[in-house]
């Protein structure tokens, strides 16, 4: 299953080749692949590649969110071309109860492009995922650009509004069974007990 991020967060078309995300069955979870232009702006985070990095959203990053909209429980996965990552489990809008979880993630930069591959363990997903959204951020200062797979429609934008990737009402329908097969049953997760 593939998705292209064709718009900014406020529904303008992107001015570069769209970032492509691919989801497929992985080892003990969902494989997430990113194929993106490499903007090299801002510079790399000062953290070890392959390790969690708090505040990764301040750098060049691609993010995917997987939501159970009935409970506002969701998984946020951020990956960076330089190899750092950030995984958050959230219950309620913007309320992370776990973060900096380990992740098998590799990224490779080749010229003006980068490719990343992450293995998202099933234990990180809330039960009953039914919606998702994906985002990308790059650039510095006034050139900072926020992109969204499912952006906020122009008619919903108000004066002075800023990008907010936790606007869950704009997420769209998504079923893990459409990737894993209709008979697939999501494994239970101890991480989400008490959040149901």
N, C-alpha and C. Protein backbone atom coordinates (compact mmCIF):
# COMPACT_ATOMS: atom_id res chain seq x y z
N UNK A 1 0.84 -1.17 0.00
CA UNK A 1 0.00 0.00 0.00
C UNK A 1 0.89 1.24 0.00
N UNK A 2 0.64 2.15 -0.93
CA UNK A 2 1.49 3.33 -1.08
C UNK A 2 0.68 4.61 -0.99
N UNK A 3 1.34 5.66 -0.50
CA UNK A 3 0.73 6.97 -0.38
C UNK A 3 1.75 8.01 -0.85
N UNK A 4 1.25 9.08 -1.48
CA UNK A 4 2.08 10.20 -1.90
C UNK A 4 1.64 11.45 -1.16
N UNK A 5 2.60 12.17 -0.57
CA UNK A 5 2.30 13.43 0.11
C UNK A 5 2.41 14.54 -0.93
N UNK A 6 1.25 15.00 -1.41
CA UNK A 6 1.20 15.94 -2.53
C UNK A 6 0.89 17.38 -2.12
N UNK A 7 0.58 17.59 -0.83
CA UNK A 7 0.13 18.93 -0.41
C UNK A 7 0.83 19.38 0.86
N UNK A 8 0.88 20.68 1.03
CA UNK A 8 1.29 21.25 2.31
C UNK A 8 0.14 21.05 3.30
N UNK A 9 0.41 21.33 4.58
CA UNK A 9 -0.59 21.10 5.63
C UNK A 9 -1.88 21.88 5.37
N UNK A 10 -1.77 23.00 4.60
CA UNK A 10 -2.95 23.85 4.34
C UNK A 10 -3.42 23.75 2.89
N UNK A 11 -3.13 22.61 2.26
CA UNK A 11 -3.72 22.23 0.96
C UNK A 11 -3.12 22.90 -0.27
N UNK A 12 -1.94 23.52 -0.15
CA UNK A 12 -1.25 23.96 -1.36
C UNK A 12 -0.48 22.77 -1.95
N UNK A 13 -0.31 22.72 -3.29
CA UNK A 13 0.48 21.62 -3.86
C UNK A 13 1.96 21.77 -3.49
N UNK A 14 2.63 20.64 -3.27
CA UNK A 14 4.06 20.70 -2.99
C UNK A 14 4.80 21.10 -4.26
N UNK A 15 6.00 21.65 -4.11
CA UNK A 15 6.77 22.16 -5.25
C UNK A 15 7.94 21.25 -5.61
N UNK A 16 7.85 19.99 -5.22
CA UNK A 16 8.92 19.03 -5.50
C UNK A 16 8.27 17.68 -5.76
N UNK A 17 9.06 16.69 -6.15
CA UNK A 17 8.52 15.35 -6.33
C UNK A 17 7.94 14.88 -5.00
N UNK A 18 6.69 14.38 -5.00
CA UNK A 18 6.06 14.03 -3.73
C UNK A 18 6.81 12.93 -2.98
N UNK A 19 6.82 13.04 -1.67
CA UNK A 19 7.37 12.00 -0.80
C UNK A 19 6.44 10.80 -0.88
N UNK A 20 7.04 9.61 -1.01
CA UNK A 20 6.26 8.38 -1.13
C UNK A 20 6.47 7.51 0.10
N UNK A 21 5.36 7.01 0.63
CA UNK A 21 5.38 6.09 1.76
C UNK A 21 4.79 4.77 1.32
N UNK A 22 5.42 3.68 1.71
CA UNK A 22 4.92 2.34 1.38
C UNK A 22 4.83 1.52 2.66
N UNK A 23 3.69 0.85 2.83
CA UNK A 23 3.47 -0.01 3.99
C UNK A 23 3.24 -1.44 3.50
N UNK A 24 3.90 -2.39 4.16
CA UNK A 24 3.77 -3.80 3.77
C UNK A 24 3.99 -4.67 5.01
N UNK A 25 3.64 -5.97 4.93
CA UNK A 25 3.89 -6.85 6.07
C UNK A 25 5.38 -6.89 6.41
N UNK A 26 5.69 -6.76 7.70
CA UNK A 26 7.07 -6.81 8.16
C UNK A 26 7.27 -7.95 9.14
N UNK A 27 8.45 -8.01 9.70
CA UNK A 27 8.77 -9.05 10.67
C UNK A 27 8.25 -8.62 12.04
N UNK A 28 7.15 -9.24 12.48
CA UNK A 28 6.57 -8.90 13.78
C UNK A 28 5.90 -7.55 13.82
N UNK A 29 5.57 -7.02 12.64
CA UNK A 29 4.94 -5.71 12.59
C UNK A 29 4.72 -5.23 11.18
N UNK A 30 4.63 -3.93 11.05
CA UNK A 30 4.39 -3.29 9.76
C UNK A 30 5.70 -2.69 9.26
N UNK A 31 6.03 -2.96 8.00
CA UNK A 31 7.20 -2.34 7.39
C UNK A 31 6.79 -1.01 6.79
N UNK A 32 7.50 0.05 7.15
CA UNK A 32 7.24 1.39 6.63
C UNK A 32 8.47 1.83 5.85
N UNK A 33 8.27 2.17 4.58
CA UNK A 33 9.37 2.65 3.74
C UNK A 33 9.09 4.08 3.29
N UNK A 34 10.14 4.89 3.27
CA UNK A 34 10.05 6.28 2.86
C UNK A 34 10.98 6.49 1.67
N UNK A 35 10.45 7.13 0.62
CA UNK A 35 11.25 7.50 -0.55
C UNK A 35 11.05 9.00 -0.75
N UNK A 36 12.10 9.78 -0.53
CA UNK A 36 11.90 11.23 -0.44
C UNK A 36 13.06 12.01 -1.03
N UNK A 37 12.78 13.24 -1.49
CA UNK A 37 13.89 14.14 -1.79
C UNK A 37 14.67 14.43 -0.52
N UNK A 38 15.97 14.64 -0.67
CA UNK A 38 16.81 15.01 0.47
C UNK A 38 17.08 16.51 0.39
N UNK A 39 16.49 17.25 1.31
CA UNK A 39 16.61 18.71 1.29
C UNK A 39 17.87 19.18 2.01
N UNK A 40 18.38 18.36 2.93
CA UNK A 40 19.57 18.71 3.72
C UNK A 40 19.41 20.05 4.43
N UNK A 41 18.17 20.29 4.91
CA UNK A 41 17.85 21.53 5.60
C UNK A 41 16.67 21.26 6.53
N UNK A 42 16.86 21.44 7.84
CA UNK A 42 18.09 21.84 8.52
C UNK A 42 19.14 20.71 8.52
N UNK A 43 20.29 21.02 9.11
CA UNK A 43 21.36 20.02 9.15
C UNK A 43 20.97 18.88 10.09
N UNK A 44 21.77 17.83 10.09
CA UNK A 44 21.44 16.61 10.84
C UNK A 44 21.27 16.88 12.33
N UNK A 45 20.34 16.17 12.98
CA UNK A 45 20.24 16.27 14.45
C UNK A 45 21.52 15.76 15.10
N UNK A 46 21.89 16.31 16.27
CA UNK A 46 23.13 15.90 16.93
C UNK A 46 22.96 14.63 17.75
N UNK A 47 22.30 13.64 17.19
CA UNK A 47 22.09 12.36 17.87
C UNK A 47 22.62 11.21 17.04
N UNK A 48 22.80 10.06 17.69
CA UNK A 48 23.32 8.87 17.00
C UNK A 48 22.30 8.33 16.01
N UNK A 49 22.70 8.03 14.77
CA UNK A 49 21.81 7.33 13.85
C UNK A 49 21.35 6.01 14.46
N UNK A 50 20.10 5.66 14.21
CA UNK A 50 19.53 4.42 14.74
C UNK A 50 18.99 4.55 16.15
N UNK A 51 19.11 5.75 16.74
CA UNK A 51 18.65 5.96 18.11
C UNK A 51 17.49 6.96 18.14
N UNK A 52 16.65 6.88 19.18
CA UNK A 52 15.59 7.89 19.33
C UNK A 52 16.21 9.27 19.56
N UNK A 53 15.51 10.30 19.05
CA UNK A 53 15.98 11.66 19.24
C UNK A 53 14.79 12.54 19.60
N UNK A 54 14.71 13.04 20.85
CA UNK A 54 13.58 13.89 21.24
C UNK A 54 13.61 15.20 20.46
N UNK A 55 12.42 15.68 20.08
CA UNK A 55 12.34 16.91 19.30
C UNK A 55 12.72 16.74 17.85
N UNK A 56 12.65 15.52 17.35
CA UNK A 56 13.05 15.26 15.96
C UNK A 56 12.22 16.09 14.97
N UNK A 57 11.00 16.46 15.37
CA UNK A 57 10.12 17.25 14.49
C UNK A 57 10.71 18.62 14.17
N UNK A 58 11.78 19.03 14.84
CA UNK A 58 12.43 20.31 14.53
C UNK A 58 13.44 20.18 13.38
N UNK A 59 13.59 18.96 12.84
CA UNK A 59 14.57 18.71 11.78
C UNK A 59 13.85 18.28 10.49
N UNK A 60 14.59 17.72 9.56
CA UNK A 60 13.99 17.16 8.34
C UNK A 60 13.44 15.79 8.70
N UNK A 61 12.14 15.58 8.49
CA UNK A 61 11.50 14.40 9.05
C UNK A 61 10.28 14.00 8.22
N UNK A 62 9.97 12.71 8.23
CA UNK A 62 8.72 12.18 7.69
C UNK A 62 8.03 11.44 8.83
N UNK A 63 6.72 11.64 8.96
CA UNK A 63 5.98 11.11 10.10
C UNK A 63 4.73 10.37 9.62
N UNK A 64 4.38 9.30 10.33
CA UNK A 64 3.09 8.62 10.11
C UNK A 64 2.41 8.41 11.44
N UNK A 65 1.10 8.63 11.44
CA UNK A 65 0.26 8.49 12.63
C UNK A 65 -0.80 7.43 12.35
N UNK A 66 -1.01 6.53 13.31
CA UNK A 66 -2.01 5.46 13.18
C UNK A 66 -2.96 5.58 14.36
N UNK A 67 -4.25 5.79 14.07
CA UNK A 67 -5.23 6.25 15.05
C UNK A 67 -6.38 5.28 15.24
N UNK A 68 -6.78 5.06 16.51
CA UNK A 68 -8.10 4.52 16.84
C UNK A 68 -8.95 5.73 17.18
N UNK A 69 -9.79 6.16 16.25
CA UNK A 69 -10.52 7.41 16.42
C UNK A 69 -11.60 7.33 17.49
N UNK A 70 -12.01 6.12 17.87
CA UNK A 70 -13.06 6.00 18.90
C UNK A 70 -12.52 6.32 20.29
N UNK A 71 -11.19 6.16 20.48
CA UNK A 71 -10.57 6.39 21.79
C UNK A 71 -9.54 7.52 21.77
N UNK A 72 -9.24 8.05 20.58
CA UNK A 72 -8.15 9.03 20.42
C UNK A 72 -6.83 8.46 20.93
N UNK A 73 -6.62 7.17 20.67
CA UNK A 73 -5.34 6.52 20.93
C UNK A 73 -4.59 6.44 19.61
N UNK A 74 -3.30 6.83 19.62
CA UNK A 74 -2.58 6.75 18.35
C UNK A 74 -1.07 6.60 18.54
N UNK A 75 -0.50 6.02 17.49
CA UNK A 75 0.93 5.81 17.37
C UNK A 75 1.48 6.88 16.43
N UNK A 76 2.56 7.53 16.84
CA UNK A 76 3.25 8.50 16.00
C UNK A 76 4.67 8.01 15.76
N UNK A 77 5.05 7.89 14.49
CA UNK A 77 6.38 7.43 14.10
C UNK A 77 7.04 8.52 13.27
N UNK A 78 8.21 8.98 13.71
CA UNK A 78 8.97 10.00 12.98
C UNK A 78 10.32 9.40 12.57
N UNK A 79 10.68 9.61 11.31
CA UNK A 79 11.97 9.13 10.82
C UNK A 79 12.67 10.25 10.06
N UNK A 80 14.00 10.19 10.08
CA UNK A 80 14.84 11.27 9.58
C UNK A 80 15.85 10.70 8.58
N UNK A 81 16.20 11.44 7.54
CA UNK A 81 17.16 10.91 6.57
C UNK A 81 18.53 10.58 7.16
N UNK A 82 18.86 11.18 8.30
CA UNK A 82 20.16 10.95 8.92
C UNK A 82 20.17 9.73 9.85
N UNK A 83 19.00 9.04 9.98
CA UNK A 83 18.96 7.78 10.71
C UNK A 83 18.34 7.83 12.10
N UNK A 84 18.07 9.03 12.62
CA UNK A 84 17.40 9.12 13.92
C UNK A 84 15.89 8.88 13.75
N UNK A 85 15.25 8.55 14.86
CA UNK A 85 13.81 8.30 14.83
C UNK A 85 13.20 8.73 16.15
N UNK A 86 11.87 8.81 16.16
CA UNK A 86 11.14 9.11 17.39
C UNK A 86 9.79 8.42 17.30
N UNK A 87 9.48 7.60 18.31
CA UNK A 87 8.20 6.89 18.38
C UNK A 87 7.48 7.32 19.65
N UNK A 88 6.22 7.74 19.49
CA UNK A 88 5.40 8.16 20.62
C UNK A 88 4.08 7.38 20.61
N UNK A 89 3.61 7.00 21.80
CA UNK A 89 2.27 6.46 21.98
C UNK A 89 1.46 7.54 22.67
N UNK A 90 0.31 7.89 22.09
CA UNK A 90 -0.50 8.99 22.60
C UNK A 90 -1.91 8.52 22.91
N UNK A 91 -2.44 8.99 24.03
CA UNK A 91 -3.83 8.73 24.41
C UNK A 91 -4.46 10.07 24.73
N UNK A 92 -5.34 10.53 23.84
CA UNK A 92 -5.83 11.90 23.90
C UNK A 92 -4.95 12.78 23.04
N UNK A 93 -5.53 13.83 22.48
CA UNK A 93 -4.84 14.65 21.49
C UNK A 93 -3.57 15.26 22.08
N UNK A 94 -2.43 14.88 21.51
CA UNK A 94 -1.14 15.44 21.91
C UNK A 94 -0.60 14.95 23.23
N UNK A 95 -1.26 13.97 23.88
CA UNK A 95 -0.83 13.49 25.20
C UNK A 95 -0.04 12.19 25.07
N UNK A 96 1.27 12.31 25.01
CA UNK A 96 2.14 11.14 24.89
C UNK A 96 2.34 10.52 26.27
N UNK A 97 2.07 9.21 26.38
CA UNK A 97 2.33 8.52 27.64
C UNK A 97 3.57 7.63 27.55
N UNK A 98 4.08 7.42 26.34
CA UNK A 98 5.36 6.74 26.14
C UNK A 98 6.03 7.40 24.94
N UNK A 99 7.36 7.58 25.04
CA UNK A 99 8.08 8.12 23.90
C UNK A 99 9.53 7.65 23.90
N UNK A 100 10.19 7.89 22.78
CA UNK A 100 11.57 7.42 22.56
C UNK A 100 11.66 5.89 22.64
N UNK A 101 10.64 5.22 22.12
CA UNK A 101 10.66 3.75 22.08
C UNK A 101 11.68 3.28 21.04
N UNK A 102 12.27 2.11 21.25
CA UNK A 102 13.25 1.61 20.28
C UNK A 102 12.59 1.28 18.94
N UNK A 103 13.37 1.39 17.88
CA UNK A 103 12.84 1.12 16.54
C UNK A 103 13.99 0.64 15.66
N UNK A 104 13.72 -0.42 14.89
CA UNK A 104 14.68 -0.84 13.86
C UNK A 104 14.44 0.05 12.65
N UNK A 105 15.38 0.95 12.39
CA UNK A 105 15.24 1.92 11.31
C UNK A 105 16.59 2.18 10.66
N UNK A 106 16.60 2.15 9.34
CA UNK A 106 17.81 2.44 8.57
C UNK A 106 17.47 3.46 7.50
N UNK A 107 18.37 4.41 7.28
CA UNK A 107 18.18 5.42 6.24
C UNK A 107 19.46 5.55 5.43
N UNK A 108 19.29 5.79 4.14
CA UNK A 108 20.43 5.98 3.24
C UNK A 108 20.18 7.20 2.36
N UNK A 109 21.16 8.09 2.33
CA UNK A 109 21.10 9.28 1.49
C UNK A 109 21.95 9.02 0.25
N UNK A 110 21.38 9.26 -0.92
CA UNK A 110 22.11 9.14 -2.17
C UNK A 110 21.85 10.40 -2.99
N UNK A 111 22.84 11.28 -3.02
CA UNK A 111 22.67 12.53 -3.76
C UNK A 111 21.56 13.38 -3.17
N UNK A 112 20.56 13.66 -4.00
CA UNK A 112 19.46 14.52 -3.55
C UNK A 112 18.21 13.72 -3.18
N UNK A 113 18.41 12.42 -2.82
CA UNK A 113 17.29 11.57 -2.41
C UNK A 113 17.68 10.79 -1.16
N UNK A 114 16.67 10.33 -0.43
CA UNK A 114 16.93 9.42 0.67
C UNK A 114 15.83 8.37 0.74
N UNK A 115 16.22 7.23 1.28
CA UNK A 115 15.31 6.09 1.46
C UNK A 115 15.44 5.64 2.91
N UNK A 116 14.31 5.39 3.54
CA UNK A 116 14.31 4.88 4.91
C UNK A 116 13.41 3.67 5.03
N UNK A 117 13.77 2.77 5.96
CA UNK A 117 12.94 1.59 6.20
C UNK A 117 12.88 1.34 7.70
N UNK A 118 11.66 1.26 8.21
CA UNK A 118 11.44 1.01 9.64
C UNK A 118 10.54 -0.20 9.81
N UNK A 119 10.78 -0.94 10.89
CA UNK A 119 9.92 -2.06 11.28
C UNK A 119 9.13 -1.62 12.51
N UNK A 120 7.82 -1.43 12.34
CA UNK A 120 6.97 -0.95 13.43
C UNK A 120 6.34 -2.14 14.14
N UNK A 121 6.76 -2.46 15.37
CA UNK A 121 6.22 -3.63 16.07
C UNK A 121 4.72 -3.49 16.31
N UNK A 122 4.01 -4.61 16.24
CA UNK A 122 2.56 -4.58 16.48
C UNK A 122 2.25 -4.06 17.87
N UNK A 123 3.13 -4.27 18.83
CA UNK A 123 2.86 -3.82 20.20
C UNK A 123 2.75 -2.30 20.30
N UNK A 124 3.26 -1.57 19.30
CA UNK A 124 3.19 -0.11 19.33
C UNK A 124 1.84 0.42 18.85
N UNK A 125 1.10 -0.40 18.10
CA UNK A 125 -0.16 0.05 17.51
C UNK A 125 -1.29 -0.05 18.53
N UNK A 126 -2.11 1.00 18.66
CA UNK A 126 -3.29 0.86 19.51
C UNK A 126 -4.24 -0.15 18.89
N UNK A 127 -5.07 -0.81 19.70
CA UNK A 127 -6.09 -1.68 19.12
C UNK A 127 -7.03 -0.86 18.24
N UNK A 128 -7.59 -1.52 17.25
CA UNK A 128 -8.67 -0.93 16.43
C UNK A 128 -8.23 0.31 15.65
N UNK A 129 -7.03 0.27 15.06
CA UNK A 129 -6.61 1.36 14.18
C UNK A 129 -7.61 1.47 13.03
N UNK A 130 -8.17 2.68 12.85
CA UNK A 130 -9.13 2.86 11.77
C UNK A 130 -8.88 4.12 10.93
N UNK A 131 -7.86 4.91 11.30
CA UNK A 131 -7.53 6.11 10.52
C UNK A 131 -6.02 6.34 10.58
N UNK A 132 -5.54 7.14 9.64
CA UNK A 132 -4.11 7.48 9.64
C UNK A 132 -3.91 8.81 8.93
N UNK A 133 -2.71 9.36 9.12
CA UNK A 133 -2.24 10.49 8.34
C UNK A 133 -0.72 10.43 8.33
N UNK A 134 -0.13 11.06 7.34
CA UNK A 134 1.33 11.13 7.25
C UNK A 134 1.73 12.55 6.90
N UNK A 135 2.94 12.90 7.32
CA UNK A 135 3.41 14.28 7.19
C UNK A 135 4.89 14.30 6.83
N UNK A 136 5.35 15.46 6.39
CA UNK A 136 6.77 15.68 6.16
C UNK A 136 7.09 17.13 6.50
N UNK A 137 8.28 17.34 7.04
CA UNK A 137 8.74 18.68 7.40
C UNK A 137 10.18 18.84 6.91
N UNK A 138 10.48 20.00 6.36
CA UNK A 138 11.86 20.31 5.97
C UNK A 138 12.00 21.82 5.82
N UNK A 139 13.22 22.27 5.73
CA UNK A 139 13.50 23.69 5.58
C UNK A 139 13.73 24.37 6.92
N UNK A 140 14.31 25.56 6.86
CA UNK A 140 14.64 26.33 8.07
C UNK A 140 14.04 27.74 7.96
N UNK A 141 13.77 28.32 9.13
CA UNK A 141 13.28 29.70 9.17
C UNK A 141 12.02 29.88 8.37
N UNK A 142 11.99 30.92 7.53
CA UNK A 142 10.79 31.20 6.73
C UNK A 142 10.57 30.16 5.64
N UNK A 143 11.60 29.36 5.36
CA UNK A 143 11.45 28.30 4.34
C UNK A 143 10.99 26.98 4.95
N UNK A 144 10.67 26.98 6.24
CA UNK A 144 10.17 25.76 6.89
C UNK A 144 8.86 25.36 6.22
N UNK A 145 8.79 24.11 5.78
CA UNK A 145 7.64 23.61 5.02
C UNK A 145 7.03 22.42 5.73
N UNK A 146 5.71 22.46 5.89
CA UNK A 146 4.96 21.39 6.56
C UNK A 146 4.00 20.78 5.55
N UNK A 147 4.15 19.48 5.30
CA UNK A 147 3.34 18.80 4.29
C UNK A 147 2.48 17.73 4.94
N UNK A 148 1.33 17.45 4.31
CA UNK A 148 0.39 16.48 4.87
C UNK A 148 -0.21 15.61 3.78
N UNK A 149 -0.31 14.32 4.06
CA UNK A 149 -1.03 13.42 3.16
C UNK A 149 -2.49 13.85 3.07
N UNK A 150 -3.11 14.08 4.22
CA UNK A 150 -4.49 14.56 4.29
C UNK A 150 -4.47 15.94 4.94
N UNK A 151 -4.36 16.99 4.12
CA UNK A 151 -4.21 18.35 4.66
C UNK A 151 -5.53 18.91 5.17
N UNK A 152 -5.42 20.06 5.83
CA UNK A 152 -6.62 20.79 6.24
C UNK A 152 -7.16 21.52 5.01
N UNK A 153 -8.45 21.35 4.69
CA UNK A 153 -9.01 22.03 3.51
C UNK A 153 -8.91 23.55 3.65
N UNK A 154 -8.75 24.22 2.50
CA UNK A 154 -8.61 25.68 2.49
C UNK A 154 -9.75 26.37 3.24
N UNK A 155 -10.97 25.85 3.06
CA UNK A 155 -12.13 26.51 3.68
C UNK A 155 -12.15 26.39 5.20
N UNK A 156 -11.33 25.49 5.75
CA UNK A 156 -11.27 25.32 7.21
C UNK A 156 -10.14 26.13 7.86
N UNK A 157 -9.29 26.75 7.05
CA UNK A 157 -8.15 27.50 7.59
C UNK A 157 -8.65 28.85 8.12
N UNK A 158 -8.18 29.21 9.32
CA UNK A 158 -8.53 30.51 9.89
C UNK A 158 -7.28 31.39 9.96
N UNK A 159 -7.47 32.69 10.01
CA UNK A 159 -6.33 33.63 10.06
C UNK A 159 -5.40 33.29 11.21
N UNK A 160 -4.11 33.29 10.93
CA UNK A 160 -3.12 33.05 11.96
C UNK A 160 -2.92 31.60 12.34
N UNK A 161 -3.63 30.69 11.66
CA UNK A 161 -3.51 29.27 12.00
C UNK A 161 -2.12 28.76 11.66
N UNK A 162 -1.60 27.89 12.53
CA UNK A 162 -0.29 27.28 12.35
C UNK A 162 -0.46 25.79 12.05
N UNK A 163 0.57 25.15 11.49
CA UNK A 163 0.50 23.71 11.27
C UNK A 163 0.32 22.97 12.60
N UNK A 164 -0.54 21.98 12.59
CA UNK A 164 -0.78 21.14 13.78
C UNK A 164 -1.08 19.74 13.29
N UNK A 165 -0.13 18.82 13.51
CA UNK A 165 -0.27 17.46 12.99
C UNK A 165 -1.18 16.60 13.87
N UNK A 166 -1.71 17.16 14.94
CA UNK A 166 -2.59 16.39 15.83
C UNK A 166 -4.06 16.77 15.63
N UNK A 167 -4.40 17.25 14.45
CA UNK A 167 -5.81 17.53 14.11
C UNK A 167 -6.42 16.22 13.60
N UNK A 168 -6.83 15.41 14.55
CA UNK A 168 -7.25 14.04 14.24
C UNK A 168 -8.49 14.00 13.35
N UNK A 169 -9.28 15.07 13.36
CA UNK A 169 -10.51 15.07 12.56
C UNK A 169 -10.24 15.05 11.07
N UNK A 170 -8.98 15.34 10.67
CA UNK A 170 -8.65 15.31 9.24
C UNK A 170 -7.98 14.01 8.82
N UNK A 171 -7.75 13.10 9.75
CA UNK A 171 -7.22 11.78 9.39
C UNK A 171 -8.27 11.06 8.53
N UNK A 172 -7.80 10.12 7.70
CA UNK A 172 -8.71 9.39 6.80
C UNK A 172 -8.70 7.89 7.13
N UNK A 173 -9.73 7.22 6.64
CA UNK A 173 -9.91 5.78 6.92
C UNK A 173 -8.69 4.97 6.51
N UNK A 174 -8.35 4.00 7.36
CA UNK A 174 -7.19 3.15 7.12
C UNK A 174 -7.40 1.85 7.89
N UNK A 175 -7.16 0.73 7.23
CA UNK A 175 -7.32 -0.58 7.88
C UNK A 175 -6.04 -1.39 7.70
N UNK A 176 -5.49 -1.87 8.80
CA UNK A 176 -4.30 -2.73 8.70
C UNK A 176 -4.61 -4.00 7.93
N UNK A 177 -5.87 -4.46 7.98
CA UNK A 177 -6.24 -5.68 7.24
C UNK A 177 -6.10 -5.50 5.74
N UNK A 178 -6.17 -4.26 5.26
CA UNK A 178 -6.00 -4.04 3.83
C UNK A 178 -4.56 -4.29 3.39
N UNK A 179 -3.64 -4.34 4.34
CA UNK A 179 -2.24 -4.66 4.07
C UNK A 179 -1.95 -6.12 4.44
N UNK A 180 -2.46 -6.54 5.60
CA UNK A 180 -2.10 -7.84 6.16
C UNK A 180 -3.00 -8.98 5.70
N UNK A 181 -4.18 -8.64 5.15
CA UNK A 181 -5.15 -9.67 4.75
C UNK A 181 -6.39 -9.59 5.63
N UNK A 182 -7.51 -9.86 5.05
CA UNK A 182 -8.79 -9.68 5.75
C UNK A 182 -8.94 -10.58 6.97
N UNK A 183 -8.27 -11.72 6.99
CA UNK A 183 -8.40 -12.64 8.13
C UNK A 183 -7.39 -12.33 9.25
N UNK A 184 -6.50 -11.38 9.02
CA UNK A 184 -5.48 -11.05 10.00
C UNK A 184 -6.09 -10.41 11.24
N UNK A 185 -5.61 -10.83 12.40
CA UNK A 185 -6.06 -10.26 13.67
C UNK A 185 -4.86 -9.60 14.34
N UNK A 186 -5.02 -8.35 14.73
CA UNK A 186 -3.93 -7.61 15.35
C UNK A 186 -3.58 -8.22 16.71
N UNK A 187 -2.30 -8.51 16.96
CA UNK A 187 -1.91 -9.03 18.27
C UNK A 187 -2.19 -8.02 19.38
N UNK A 188 -2.53 -8.53 20.55
CA UNK A 188 -2.76 -7.65 21.69
C UNK A 188 -1.45 -7.05 22.17
N UNK A 189 -1.54 -5.87 22.78
CA UNK A 189 -0.35 -5.15 23.23
C UNK A 189 -0.49 -4.76 24.69
N UNK A 190 0.50 -5.15 25.49
CA UNK A 190 0.51 -4.74 26.90
C UNK A 190 0.74 -3.24 27.05
N UNK A 191 1.35 -2.61 26.06
CA UNK A 191 1.65 -1.18 26.16
C UNK A 191 0.39 -0.33 26.24
N UNK A 192 -0.71 -0.84 25.66
CA UNK A 192 -1.94 -0.07 25.58
C UNK A 192 -2.95 -0.43 26.66
N UNK A 193 -2.62 -1.38 27.52
CA UNK A 193 -3.55 -1.75 28.58
C UNK A 193 -3.77 -0.56 29.50
N UNK A 194 -5.00 -0.32 29.89
CA UNK A 194 -5.33 0.83 30.72
C UNK A 194 -5.65 2.08 29.91
N UNK A 195 -5.48 2.00 28.56
CA UNK A 195 -5.79 3.16 27.70
C UNK A 195 -7.01 2.88 26.84
N UNK A 196 -7.71 1.77 27.13
CA UNK A 196 -8.82 1.36 26.26
C UNK A 196 -10.15 1.84 26.78
